[in-house]
C-alpha cells in the first residue's frame, strides 16, 4: 500500500493501517527517541507516547512536506513535553552571556562511545546538543521549544561540548595508556 493511502486509512482510524504505519516507522523513530531519552526503557515509553499522539493527530497532516519529518517533530515534541513536565529546565539559571565555542579535535573514537557519552550528558545539555548539532535547529527554535532563552541554549550547548571534549580526551588518554 502506498504511503498516501496508508495515511488516509490512518486518518479513518483503521487499526490495521495504524499497525502498518507503526511497523514502517517505529525503528527510525525509536532512534530519535534514544537520542533524546535518558535510557532505552524511557525511549520505549517515549515511542509509545509519540505513536499515540501520531494516531490522534494524523488527521492534521496536510500532505505538505515529508511525512517522516512530521512524524519526527511529533516524537521530539513528545520527549520534550515529558521533560517540561519534569521541570528539567526550571532548576538551573544559566549564565546567558555569549557562550564560547568549544572545539573538539577530530579524534578516533567509536560511534558507540560517542553515543554513550552524549547519552550521559545532563538532560538540559543533551537535549540542546541533540537539537542543535544532530537535528539542525537554531538557538531561537530551541529556546522556543524548551521555553528557555537563546542565551541559555547557547550556554547549554557550550557546556555540553566542554563535557564531551573532556570525556573524549580522558578516553583517548586511557586508550594510549592501555595500548
C-alpha atoms as a PDB file:
ATOM      1  CA  UNK A   1       0.000   0.000   0.000  1.00  0.00           C
ATOM      2  CA  UNK A   2       1.297   3.478  -0.826  1.00  0.00           C
ATOM      3  CA  UNK A   3       2.223   5.891   1.938  1.00  0.00           C
ATOM      4  CA  UNK A   4      -0.539   8.272   0.863  1.00  0.00           C
ATOM      5  CA  UNK A   5      -3.138   5.507   1.071  1.00  0.00           C
ATOM      6  CA  UNK A   6      -1.734   4.385   4.428  1.00  0.00           C
ATOM      7  CA  UNK A   7      -2.026   7.914   5.825  1.00  0.00           C
ATOM      8  CA  UNK A   8      -5.612   8.229   4.589  1.00  0.00           C
ATOM      9  CA  UNK A   9      -6.562   4.922   6.173  1.00  0.00           C
ATOM     10  CA  UNK A  10      -4.928   6.002   9.449  1.00  0.00           C
ATOM     11  CA  UNK A  11      -6.998   9.196   9.314  1.00  0.00           C
ATOM     12  CA  UNK A  12     -10.053   6.917   9.235  1.00  0.00           C
ATOM     13  CA  UNK A  13      -8.830   5.201  12.437  1.00  0.00           C
ATOM     14  CA  UNK A  14      -8.121   1.940  10.571  1.00  0.00           C
ATOM     15  CA  UNK A  15      -6.221  -0.111  13.180  1.00  0.00           C
ATOM     16  CA  UNK A  16      -4.639  -2.354  10.545  1.00  0.00           C
ATOM     17  CA  UNK A  17      -3.217   0.721   8.797  1.00  0.00           C
ATOM     18  CA  UNK A  18      -2.022   2.086  12.149  1.00  0.00           C
ATOM     19  CA  UNK A  19      -0.199  -1.189  12.730  1.00  0.00           C
ATOM     20  CA  UNK A  20       1.469  -0.949   9.351  1.00  0.00           C
ATOM     21  CA  UNK A  21       2.428   2.688   9.959  1.00  0.00           C
ATOM     22  CA  UNK A  22       3.993   1.617  13.240  1.00  0.00           C
ATOM     23  CA  UNK A  23       5.884  -1.202  11.521  1.00  0.00           C
ATOM     24  CA  UNK A  24       7.209   1.098   8.801  1.00  0.00           C
ATOM     25  CA  UNK A  25       8.445   3.897  11.041  1.00  0.00           C
ATOM     26  CA  UNK A  26       8.983   2.534  14.569  1.00  0.00           C
ATOM     27  CA  UNK A  27      12.683   1.719  14.185  1.00  0.00           C
ATOM     28  CA  UNK A  28      13.572   5.113  12.676  1.00  0.00           C
ATOM     29  CA  UNK A  29      11.542   6.973  15.273  1.00  0.00           C
ATOM     30  CA  UNK A  30      12.952   4.837  18.073  1.00  0.00           C
ATOM     31  CA  UNK A  31      16.444   6.043  17.163  1.00  0.00           C
ATOM     32  CA  UNK A  32      15.164   9.616  17.591  1.00  0.00           C
ATOM     33  CA  UNK A  33      13.724   8.661  20.977  1.00  0.00           C
ATOM     34  CA  UNK A  34      17.062   7.143  22.018  1.00  0.00           C
ATOM     35  CA  UNK A  35      18.870  10.395  21.190  1.00  0.00           C
ATOM     36  CA  UNK A  36      16.654  12.400  23.487  1.00  0.00           C
ATOM     37  CA  UNK A  37      15.891   9.901  26.255  1.00  0.00           C
ATOM     38  CA  UNK A  38      17.971   9.035  29.292  1.00  0.00           C
ATOM     39  CA  UNK A  39      17.937   5.306  28.603  1.00  0.00           C
ATOM     40  CA  UNK A  40      16.470   2.513  26.495  1.00  0.00           C
ATOM     41  CA  UNK A  41      13.382   1.985  28.654  1.00  0.00           C
ATOM     42  CA  UNK A  42      12.496   5.668  28.653  1.00  0.00           C
ATOM     43  CA  UNK A  43      12.965   5.714  24.870  1.00  0.00           C
ATOM     44  CA  UNK A  44      10.485   2.842  24.536  1.00  0.00           C
ATOM     45  CA  UNK A  45       7.947   4.754  26.651  1.00  0.00           C
ATOM     46  CA  UNK A  46       8.502   7.902  24.597  1.00  0.00           C
ATOM     47  CA  UNK A  47       7.996   5.988  21.350  1.00  0.00           C
ATOM     48  CA  UNK A  48       4.690   4.575  22.558  1.00  0.00           C
ATOM     49  CA  UNK A  49       3.510   8.016  23.719  1.00  0.00           C
ATOM     50  CA  UNK A  50       4.582   9.528  20.397  1.00  0.00           C
ATOM     51  CA  UNK A  51       2.627   6.957  18.383  1.00  0.00           C
ATOM     52  CA  UNK A  52      -0.479   7.606  20.474  1.00  0.00           C
ATOM     53  CA  UNK A  53      -0.107  11.289  19.584  1.00  0.00           C
ATOM     54  CA  UNK A  54       0.569  10.461  15.929  1.00  0.00           C
ATOM     55  CA  UNK A  55      -2.595   8.372  15.666  1.00  0.00           C
ATOM     56  CA  UNK A  56      -4.605  11.093  17.420  1.00  0.00           C
ATOM     57  CA  UNK A  57      -3.226  13.902  15.215  1.00  0.00           C
ATOM     58  CA  UNK A  58      -2.696  12.181  11.859  1.00  0.00           C
ATOM     59  CA  UNK A  59      -5.774  13.990  10.527  1.00  0.00           C
ATOM     60  CA  UNK A  60      -3.807  17.250  10.925  1.00  0.00           C
ATOM     61  CA  UNK A  61      -1.162  16.162   8.407  1.00  0.00           C
ATOM     62  CA  UNK A  62      -1.889  18.154   5.232  1.00  0.00           C
ATOM     63  CA  UNK A  63       0.402  16.273   2.783  1.00  0.00           C
ATOM     64  CA  UNK A  64       2.771  19.252   2.834  1.00  0.00           C
ATOM     65  CA  UNK A  65       6.378  18.394   3.477  1.00  0.00           C
ATOM     66  CA  UNK A  66       7.782  14.974   4.240  1.00  0.00           C
ATOM     67  CA  UNK A  67       5.559  12.756   6.360  1.00  0.00           C
ATOM     68  CA  UNK A  68       8.630  11.315   8.070  1.00  0.00           C
ATOM     69  CA  UNK A  69       9.688  14.828   9.090  1.00  0.00           C
ATOM     70  CA  UNK A  70       6.214  15.430  10.507  1.00  0.00           C
ATOM     71  CA  UNK A  71       6.498  12.194  12.498  1.00  0.00           C
ATOM     72  CA  UNK A  72       9.957  13.146  13.769  1.00  0.00           C
ATOM     73  CA  UNK A  73       8.692  16.532  15.022  1.00  0.00           C
ATOM     74  CA  UNK A  74       5.936  14.797  16.960  1.00  0.00           C
ATOM     75  CA  UNK A  75       8.447  12.396  18.508  1.00  0.00           C
ATOM     76  CA  UNK A  76      10.785  15.216  19.545  1.00  0.00           C
ATOM     77  CA  UNK A  77       7.908  17.262  20.946  1.00  0.00           C
ATOM     78  CA  UNK A  78       6.621  14.243  22.879  1.00  0.00           C
ATOM     79  CA  UNK A  79      10.007  13.736  24.537  1.00  0.00           C
ATOM     80  CA  UNK A  80      10.418  17.441  25.257  1.00  0.00           C
ATOM     81  CA  UNK A  81       6.934  17.574  26.766  1.00  0.00           C
ATOM     82  CA  UNK A  82       7.983  14.885  29.246  1.00  0.00           C
ATOM     83  CA  UNK A  83      10.991  16.979  30.263  1.00  0.00           C
ATOM     84  CA  UNK A  84       8.830  20.093  30.578  1.00  0.00           C
ATOM     85  CA  UNK A  85       6.517  18.199  32.956  1.00  0.00           C
ATOM     86  CA  UNK A  86       9.555  17.143  34.983  1.00  0.00           C
ATOM     87  CA  UNK A  87      10.676  20.795  35.057  1.00  0.00           C
ATOM     88  CA  UNK A  88      14.188  19.857  33.918  1.00  0.00           C
ATOM     89  CA  UNK A  89      14.798  23.439  32.798  1.00  0.00           C
ATOM     90  CA  UNK A  90      13.494  25.195  35.910  1.00  0.00           C
ATOM     91  CA  UNK A  91      16.347  24.036  38.132  1.00  0.00           C
ATOM     92  CA  UNK A  92      19.338  25.914  36.735  1.00  0.00           C
ATOM     93  CA  UNK A  93      19.799  29.557  35.833  1.00  0.00           C
ATOM     94  CA  UNK A  94      22.471  29.502  33.184  1.00  0.00           C
ATOM     95  CA  UNK A  95      24.849  32.343  32.512  1.00  0.00           C
ATOM     96  CA  UNK A  96      23.277  33.852  29.421  1.00  0.00           C
ATOM     97  CA  UNK A  97      26.328  35.739  28.230  1.00  0.00           C
ATOM     98  CA  UNK A  98      27.603  34.766  24.814  1.00  0.00           C
ATOM     99  CA  UNK A  99      28.838  31.193  25.123  1.00  0.00           C
ATOM    100  CA  UNK A 100      32.328  30.447  23.922  1.00  0.00           C
ATOM    101  CA  UNK A 101      32.742  27.979  21.102  1.00  0.00           C
ATOM    102  CA  UNK A 102      34.441  24.757  22.169  1.00  0.00           C
ATOM    103  CA  UNK A 103      36.473  22.994  19.520  1.00  0.00           C
ATOM    104  CA  UNK A 104      36.560  19.230  19.616  1.00  0.00           C
ATOM    105  CA  UNK A 105      39.530  17.957  17.685  1.00  0.00           C
ATOM    106  CA  UNK A 106      38.957  15.084  15.328  1.00  0.00           C
ATOM    107  CA  UNK A 107      39.981  12.066  17.311  1.00  0.00           C
ATOM    108  CA  UNK A 108      39.366   8.418  16.618  1.00  0.00           C
ATOM    109  CA  UNK A 109      36.511   7.313  18.885  1.00  0.00           C
ATOM    110  CA  UNK A 110      33.905   4.723  18.124  1.00  0.00           C
ATOM    111  CA  UNK A 111      30.364   5.750  17.316  1.00  0.00           C
ATOM    112  CA  UNK A 112      29.164   3.611  20.226  1.00  0.00           C
ATOM    113  CA  UNK A 113      31.416   5.521  22.635  1.00  0.00           C
ATOM    114  CA  UNK A 114      30.269   8.857  21.236  1.00  0.00           C
ATOM    115  CA  UNK A 115      26.594   7.917  21.598  1.00  0.00           C
ATOM    116  CA  UNK A 116      27.276   6.655  25.114  1.00  0.00           C
ATOM    117  CA  UNK A 117      28.840   9.912  26.299  1.00  0.00           C
ATOM    118  CA  UNK A 118      26.119  12.004  24.649  1.00  0.00           C
ATOM    119  CA  UNK A 119      23.504   9.867  26.439  1.00  0.00           C
ATOM    120  CA  UNK A 120      25.250  10.554  29.778  1.00  0.00           C
ATOM    121  CA  UNK A 121      25.054  14.340  29.414  1.00  0.00           C
ATOM    122  CA  UNK A 122      22.702  16.060  31.876  1.00  0.00           C
ATOM    123  CA  UNK A 123      19.221  16.323  30.367  1.00  0.00           C
ATOM    124  CA  UNK A 124      19.303  20.035  29.544  1.00  0.00           C
ATOM    125  CA  UNK A 125      22.708  19.746  27.851  1.00  0.00           C
ATOM    126  CA  UNK A 126      21.843  16.560  25.935  1.00  0.00           C
ATOM    127  CA  UNK A 127      18.590  17.999  24.626  1.00  0.00           C
ATOM    128  CA  UNK A 128      20.172  21.239  23.408  1.00  0.00           C
ATOM    129  CA  UNK A 129      23.182  19.407  21.949  1.00  0.00           C
ATOM    130  CA  UNK A 130      20.986  16.963  20.016  1.00  0.00           C
ATOM    131  CA  UNK A 131      18.575  19.625  18.795  1.00  0.00           C
ATOM    132  CA  UNK A 132      21.368  21.944  17.627  1.00  0.00           C
ATOM    133  CA  UNK A 133      24.127  19.606  16.443  1.00  0.00           C
ATOM    134  CA  UNK A 134      22.296  16.487  15.338  1.00  0.00           C
ATOM    135  CA  UNK A 135      18.958  17.900  14.174  1.00  0.00           C
ATOM    136  CA  UNK A 136      19.990  21.361  12.973  1.00  0.00           C
ATOM    137  CA  UNK A 137      17.603  23.549  14.975  1.00  0.00           C
ATOM    138  CA  UNK A 138      18.618  27.166  15.614  1.00  0.00           C
ATOM    139  CA  UNK A 139      19.085  28.526  19.136  1.00  0.00           C
ATOM    140  CA  UNK A 140      15.897  30.552  18.678  1.00  0.00           C
ATOM    141  CA  UNK A 141      13.924  27.430  17.748  1.00  0.00           C
ATOM    142  CA  UNK A 142      15.441  25.518  20.679  1.00  0.00           C
ATOM    143  CA  UNK A 143      14.633  28.363  23.055  1.00  0.00           C
ATOM    144  CA  UNK A 144      11.013  28.321  21.887  1.00  0.00           C
ATOM    145  CA  UNK A 145      10.756  24.523  22.120  1.00  0.00           C
ATOM    146  CA  UNK A 146      12.268  24.305  25.602  1.00  0.00           C
ATOM    147  CA  UNK A 147      10.900  27.602  26.944  1.00  0.00           C
ATOM    148  CA  UNK A 148      14.376  28.929  27.720  1.00  0.00           C
ATOM    149  CA  UNK A 149      16.292  31.965  26.473  1.00  0.00           C
ATOM    150  CA  UNK A 150      18.552  31.807  23.415  1.00  0.00           C
ATOM    151  CA  UNK A 151      21.485  32.626  25.693  1.00  0.00           C
ATOM    152  CA  UNK A 152      20.674  29.635  27.879  1.00  0.00           C
ATOM    153  CA  UNK A 153      20.509  27.455  24.779  1.00  0.00           C
ATOM    154  CA  UNK A 154      23.944  28.676  23.694  1.00  0.00           C
ATOM    155  CA  UNK A 155      25.351  28.235  27.187  1.00  0.00           C
ATOM    156  CA  UNK A 156      23.958  24.696  27.467  1.00  0.00           C
ATOM    157  CA  UNK A 157      25.450  23.800  24.087  1.00  0.00           C
ATOM    158  CA  UNK A 158      28.825  25.166  25.127  1.00  0.00           C
ATOM    159  CA  UNK A 159      28.757  23.218  28.390  1.00  0.00           C
ATOM    160  CA  UNK A 160      27.717  20.040  26.571  1.00  0.00           C
ATOM    161  CA  UNK A 161      30.652  20.430  24.192  1.00  0.00           C
ATOM    162  CA  UNK A 162      33.039  21.016  27.108  1.00  0.00           C
ATOM    163  CA  UNK A 163      31.863  17.834  28.829  1.00  0.00           C
ATOM    164  CA  UNK A 164      32.110  15.813  25.620  1.00  0.00           C
ATOM    165  CA  UNK A 165      35.578  17.182  24.874  1.00  0.00           C
ATOM    166  CA  UNK A 166      36.758  16.247  28.360  1.00  0.00           C
ATOM    167  CA  UNK A 167      35.251  12.747  28.084  1.00  0.00           C
ATOM    168  CA  UNK A 168      36.881  12.197  24.678  1.00  0.00           C
ATOM    169  CA  UNK A 169      40.266  13.422  25.932  1.00  0.00           C
ATOM    170  CA  UNK A 170      40.017  11.186  29.011  1.00  0.00           C
ATOM    171  CA  UNK A 171      39.038   8.230  26.825  1.00  0.00           C
ATOM    172  CA  UNK A 172      41.931   8.837  24.412  1.00  0.00           C
ATOM    173  CA  UNK A 173      44.402   9.169  27.276  1.00  0.00           C
ATOM    174  CA  UNK A 174      43.260   5.880  28.802  1.00  0.00           C
ATOM    175  CA  UNK A 175      43.435   4.170  25.392  1.00  0.00           C
ATOM    176  CA  UNK A 176      47.037   5.359  24.927  1.00  0.00           C
ATOM    177  CA  UNK A 177      47.992   4.184  28.433  1.00  0.00           C
ATOM    178  CA  UNK A 178      46.397   0.759  27.930  1.00  0.00           C
ATOM    179  CA  UNK A 179      47.860   0.306  24.432  1.00  0.00           C
END
